[in-house]
């Protein structure tokens, strides 16, 4: 059974998986393997949806978890976190429209938007893993154990 204290790690694994799928999908389209690209990008989308569900469950249960890091790393963490949050919010509609354009076979519109969507999605996925690592290393998640 998964507990609330397991969700940050699950979220990081889902983000890392999305990162791998996004990279693989990019390689497939560069090699003009459209079918593999489509399947891989759908997998990235589904993994990202699972992440979002898990993320929301975690924050509805645990609330906000403060960052306990100190020194020079603290402003670095917040710079990464703020950019991650803003770009995640912006990226969601971009992902949906990009996927829609692919589904309706508007490949030119899909390609134009994907040039912006993919790097933002990749940044959000990578920084999601980085945020988890920084939180874990700082001991910020240790306070979650009282929730069990």
Protein backbone atom coordinates (compact mmCIF):
# COMPACT_ATOMS: atom_id res chain seq x y z
CA UNK A 1 0.00 0.00 0.00
CA UNK A 2 1.29 3.44 -0.90
CA UNK A 3 1.29 6.00 1.89
CA UNK A 4 1.43 9.78 1.72
CA UNK A 5 5.16 9.67 2.49
CA UNK A 6 5.74 7.58 -0.65
CA UNK A 7 4.16 10.09 -3.03
CA UNK A 8 7.09 12.53 -3.40
CA UNK A 9 9.32 9.68 -4.55
CA UNK A 10 6.59 8.32 -6.83
CA UNK A 11 6.19 11.81 -8.30
CA UNK A 12 9.93 12.01 -8.97
CA UNK A 13 9.87 8.61 -10.67
CA UNK A 14 6.93 9.68 -12.82
CA UNK A 15 8.70 12.93 -13.75
CA UNK A 16 11.89 11.04 -14.59
CA UNK A 17 9.90 8.58 -16.71
CA UNK A 18 8.23 11.47 -18.53
CA UNK A 19 11.67 12.98 -19.18
CA UNK A 20 12.91 9.72 -20.73
CA UNK A 21 9.76 9.39 -22.83
CA UNK A 22 9.96 13.01 -24.01
CA UNK A 23 13.57 12.55 -25.04
CA UNK A 24 12.77 9.28 -26.80
CA UNK A 25 9.80 10.85 -28.59
CA UNK A 26 12.04 13.67 -29.78
CA UNK A 27 14.58 11.18 -31.15
CA UNK A 28 11.82 9.23 -32.92
CA UNK A 29 10.46 12.30 -34.71
CA UNK A 30 13.96 13.44 -35.70
CA UNK A 31 14.43 9.99 -37.27
CA UNK A 32 11.03 10.44 -38.97
CA UNK A 33 9.52 7.49 -37.13
CA UNK A 34 6.11 9.12 -36.70
CA UNK A 35 4.34 6.02 -35.37
CA UNK A 36 6.87 5.46 -32.57
CA UNK A 37 6.84 9.22 -31.85
CA UNK A 38 3.07 9.23 -31.43
CA UNK A 39 3.08 6.21 -29.10
CA UNK A 40 5.94 7.59 -27.02
CA UNK A 41 4.42 11.05 -26.69
CA UNK A 42 1.08 9.53 -25.63
CA UNK A 43 2.98 7.54 -23.01
CA UNK A 44 4.68 10.77 -21.83
CA UNK A 45 1.28 12.45 -21.64
CA UNK A 46 -0.26 9.58 -19.65
CA UNK A 47 2.69 9.40 -17.25
CA UNK A 48 2.43 13.18 -16.78
CA UNK A 49 -1.30 12.81 -16.06
CA UNK A 50 -0.51 10.16 -13.43
CA UNK A 51 2.06 12.54 -11.97
CA UNK A 52 -0.51 15.35 -11.77
CA UNK A 53 -3.04 13.10 -10.03
CA UNK A 54 -0.43 11.89 -7.54
CA UNK A 55 0.85 15.45 -7.00
CA UNK A 56 -2.64 16.75 -6.26
CA UNK A 57 -3.42 13.86 -3.89
CA UNK A 58 -0.15 14.52 -2.05
CA UNK A 59 -0.77 18.25 -1.63
CA UNK A 60 -4.42 17.80 -0.64
CA UNK A 61 -3.23 15.40 2.07
CA UNK A 62 0.08 16.96 3.16
CA UNK A 63 -0.48 20.59 2.29
CA UNK A 64 2.56 22.70 1.50
CA UNK A 65 5.93 21.25 2.47
CA UNK A 66 8.54 23.91 3.21
CA UNK A 67 12.11 23.71 1.99
CA UNK A 68 14.60 23.21 4.84
CA UNK A 69 17.80 23.87 2.90
CA UNK A 70 20.03 26.72 4.08
CA UNK A 71 22.85 28.81 2.70
CA UNK A 72 23.56 29.46 -0.97
CA UNK A 73 21.40 26.54 -2.12
CA UNK A 74 18.19 28.09 -0.75
CA UNK A 75 17.87 30.88 -3.36
CA UNK A 76 18.91 28.39 -6.07
CA UNK A 77 16.11 26.05 -4.96
CA UNK A 78 13.51 28.83 -5.02
CA UNK A 79 14.65 30.07 -8.45
CA UNK A 80 14.22 26.54 -9.81
CA UNK A 81 10.90 26.06 -7.98
CA UNK A 82 9.38 29.36 -9.15
CA UNK A 83 10.38 28.80 -12.78
CA UNK A 84 9.13 25.20 -12.54
CA UNK A 85 5.71 26.24 -11.21
CA UNK A 86 5.19 29.06 -13.72
CA UNK A 87 6.25 26.94 -16.67
CA UNK A 88 4.16 23.95 -15.49
CA UNK A 89 1.06 26.17 -15.43
CA UNK A 90 1.82 27.61 -18.86
CA UNK A 91 2.77 24.22 -20.28
CA UNK A 92 -0.46 22.36 -19.52
CA UNK A 93 -2.59 24.16 -22.13
CA UNK A 94 0.35 24.07 -24.57
CA UNK A 95 0.56 20.29 -24.18
CA UNK A 96 -3.18 19.87 -24.69
CA UNK A 97 -3.25 22.03 -27.84
CA UNK A 98 -0.10 20.40 -29.24
CA UNK A 99 -1.55 16.93 -28.66
CA UNK A 100 -4.89 18.00 -30.17
CA UNK A 101 -3.18 19.31 -33.30
CA UNK A 102 -1.42 15.98 -33.69
CA UNK A 103 -4.64 14.01 -33.21
CA UNK A 104 -6.51 16.04 -35.86
CA UNK A 105 -3.51 15.67 -38.17
CA UNK A 106 -2.72 19.40 -38.26
CA UNK A 107 0.95 18.44 -38.48
CA UNK A 108 2.15 21.90 -39.45
CA UNK A 109 0.39 23.51 -36.47
CA UNK A 110 1.52 20.64 -34.24
CA UNK A 111 5.14 21.08 -35.31
CA UNK A 112 5.10 24.86 -34.80
CA UNK A 113 3.70 24.60 -31.28
CA UNK A 114 5.74 21.52 -30.34
CA UNK A 115 8.92 23.55 -30.87
CA UNK A 116 7.87 25.54 -27.80
CA UNK A 117 5.94 22.89 -25.90
CA UNK A 118 8.61 20.18 -25.89
CA UNK A 119 11.46 22.17 -24.31
CA UNK A 120 9.14 23.64 -21.67
CA UNK A 121 7.69 20.20 -20.88
CA UNK A 122 11.21 18.77 -20.70
CA UNK A 123 12.34 21.59 -18.37
CA UNK A 124 9.34 21.05 -16.09
CA UNK A 125 9.96 17.29 -15.96
CA UNK A 126 13.69 17.62 -15.27
CA UNK A 127 13.27 20.35 -12.67
CA UNK A 128 10.54 18.30 -10.99
CA UNK A 129 13.12 15.58 -10.36
CA UNK A 130 15.70 18.16 -9.28
CA UNK A 131 13.25 19.72 -6.81
CA UNK A 132 12.56 16.29 -5.32
CA UNK A 133 16.29 15.62 -4.92
CA UNK A 134 16.86 19.00 -3.29
CA UNK A 135 13.93 18.49 -0.91
CA UNK A 136 15.13 14.99 -0.04
CA UNK A 137 18.74 16.07 0.56
CA UNK A 138 17.63 18.96 2.76
CA UNK A 139 15.49 16.67 4.93
CA UNK A 140 12.36 18.62 4.02
CA UNK A 141 10.29 15.47 3.57
CA UNK A 142 11.25 14.16 7.03
CA UNK A 143 8.37 16.13 8.56
CA UNK A 144 5.91 14.02 6.54
CA UNK A 145 6.39 11.00 8.74
CA UNK A 146 4.03 12.44 11.33
CA UNK A 147 1.24 12.04 8.74
CA UNK A 148 1.44 8.23 8.78
